[in-house]
Amino acid sequence: MDQESKTLTESKQSPVAGKDVPRALAISERGIRTGADFANVMSALMGDLIAGRVTPQVGNATCNVGGKLLKIVEMQHRYGTTGDSGMSPKTIMLAELPA
């Protein structure tokens, strides 16, 4: 590898050394309320992982939490109930507090 190639490689890696804020962070801080929000944050996370802006551990934890979020949405869709009017979105009671 010649000196010029090495310098280019090093300059491309320097922002990855922890100086860049992950793109997924800005998206997730606004909240994940829709399927599009979820897709955007996961897409940004993929880019952040590839660029080295997040550690593999953070990427793994985020994917695990994302899977749990999708499971809750699936459970609401399957087992959730609507309000009396039938117009409200389905909700699911995850736990009942003792009286």
Protein backbone atom coordinates (compact mmCIF):
# COMPACT_ATOMS: atom_id res chain seq x y z
CA MET A 1 0.00 0.00 0.00
CA ASP A 2 1.51 3.33 -1.01
CA GLN A 3 1.58 6.36 1.28
CA GLU A 4 -1.23 8.18 -0.55
CA SER A 5 -3.61 5.19 -0.26
CA LYS A 6 -2.72 4.78 3.40
CA THR A 7 -3.45 8.47 4.07
CA LEU A 8 -6.82 8.23 2.29
CA THR A 9 -7.76 5.16 4.30
CA GLU A 10 -6.73 6.80 7.56
CA SER A 11 -8.67 9.99 6.76
CA LYS A 12 -11.80 7.98 5.97
CA GLN A 13 -11.48 6.17 9.30
CA SER A 14 -10.80 9.21 11.47
CA PRO A 15 -14.45 10.35 11.77
CA VAL A 16 -15.34 6.80 12.73
CA ALA A 17 -13.13 6.94 15.80
CA GLY A 18 -16.03 8.06 17.98
CA LYS A 19 -16.41 11.68 16.87
CA ASP A 20 -19.53 11.19 14.74
CA VAL A 21 -22.94 11.04 16.37
CA PRO A 22 -24.82 7.94 15.20
CA ARG A 23 -27.64 8.79 12.77
CA ALA A 24 -29.90 6.22 14.44
CA LEU A 25 -29.66 8.16 17.72
CA ALA A 26 -31.25 11.31 16.30
CA ILE A 27 -34.09 9.31 14.73
CA SER A 28 -34.76 7.23 17.83
CA GLU A 29 -34.79 10.26 20.13
CA ARG A 30 -37.84 11.57 18.23
CA GLY A 31 -39.61 8.33 19.11
CA ILE A 32 -40.52 5.21 17.17
CA ARG A 33 -44.27 5.31 16.64
CA THR A 34 -44.81 3.95 13.15
CA GLY A 35 -43.47 1.21 10.95
CA ALA A 36 -41.71 3.88 8.90
CA ASP A 37 -39.99 5.22 12.04
CA PHE A 38 -38.84 1.71 12.90
CA ALA A 39 -37.56 1.08 9.37
CA ASN A 40 -35.71 4.41 9.36
CA VAL A 41 -33.98 3.81 12.68
CA MET A 42 -32.98 0.26 11.74
CA SER A 43 -31.69 1.44 8.36
CA ALA A 44 -29.67 4.19 10.03
CA LEU A 45 -28.39 1.68 12.59
CA MET A 46 -27.15 -0.53 9.77
CA GLY A 47 -25.22 2.38 8.33
CA ASP A 48 -23.90 3.34 11.76
CA LEU A 49 -22.64 -0.20 12.34
CA ILE A 50 -20.92 -0.36 8.97
CA ALA A 51 -19.33 3.07 9.48
CA GLY A 52 -18.25 2.18 13.01
CA ARG A 53 -20.29 4.92 14.68
CA VAL A 54 -21.80 2.39 17.10
CA THR A 55 -20.27 -0.67 18.67
CA PRO A 56 -21.47 -4.15 17.75
CA GLN A 57 -22.81 -4.49 21.31
CA VAL A 58 -25.02 -1.41 20.91
CA GLY A 59 -26.20 -2.67 17.51
CA ASN A 60 -27.02 -6.08 18.97
CA ALA A 61 -28.89 -4.60 21.93
CA THR A 62 -30.85 -2.27 19.65
CA CYS A 63 -31.85 -5.15 17.39
CA ASN A 64 -32.97 -7.20 20.40
CA VAL A 65 -35.10 -4.33 21.68
CA GLY A 66 -36.47 -3.77 18.17
CA GLY A 67 -37.55 -7.40 18.03
CA LYS A 68 -39.38 -7.00 21.35
CA LEU A 69 -41.09 -3.85 20.07
CA LEU A 70 -42.30 -5.69 16.99
CA LYS A 71 -43.56 -8.55 19.19
CA ILE A 72 -45.68 -6.12 21.22
CA VAL A 73 -47.14 -4.66 18.03
CA GLU A 74 -47.94 -8.17 16.81
CA MET A 75 -49.59 -9.06 20.13
CA GLN A 76 -51.68 -5.88 20.06
CA HIS A 77 -52.82 -6.70 16.56
CA ARG A 78 -53.72 -10.29 17.46
CA TYR A 79 -55.02 -10.05 20.99
CA GLY A 80 -55.72 -6.37 21.58
CA THR A 81 -59.15 -4.97 22.19
CA THR A 82 -60.71 -1.72 21.02
CA GLY A 83 -62.63 0.71 23.17
CA ASP A 84 -66.42 0.82 23.43
CA SER A 85 -66.76 2.85 20.25
CA GLY A 86 -64.66 0.39 18.26
CA MET A 87 -62.84 3.31 16.65
CA SER A 88 -59.81 3.46 18.93
CA PRO A 89 -56.65 1.50 18.13
CA LYS A 90 -56.26 -1.92 19.66
CA THR A 91 -54.51 -2.04 23.00
CA ILE A 92 -53.39 -4.91 25.16
CA MET A 93 -53.18 -5.13 28.93
CA LEU A 94 -49.71 -6.44 29.71
CA ALA A 95 -50.19 -6.81 33.44
CA GLU A 96 -53.00 -6.27 35.89
CA LEU A 97 -52.17 -4.64 39.18
CA PRO A 98 -53.63 -6.30 42.25
CA ALA A 99 -56.46 -4.38 43.91
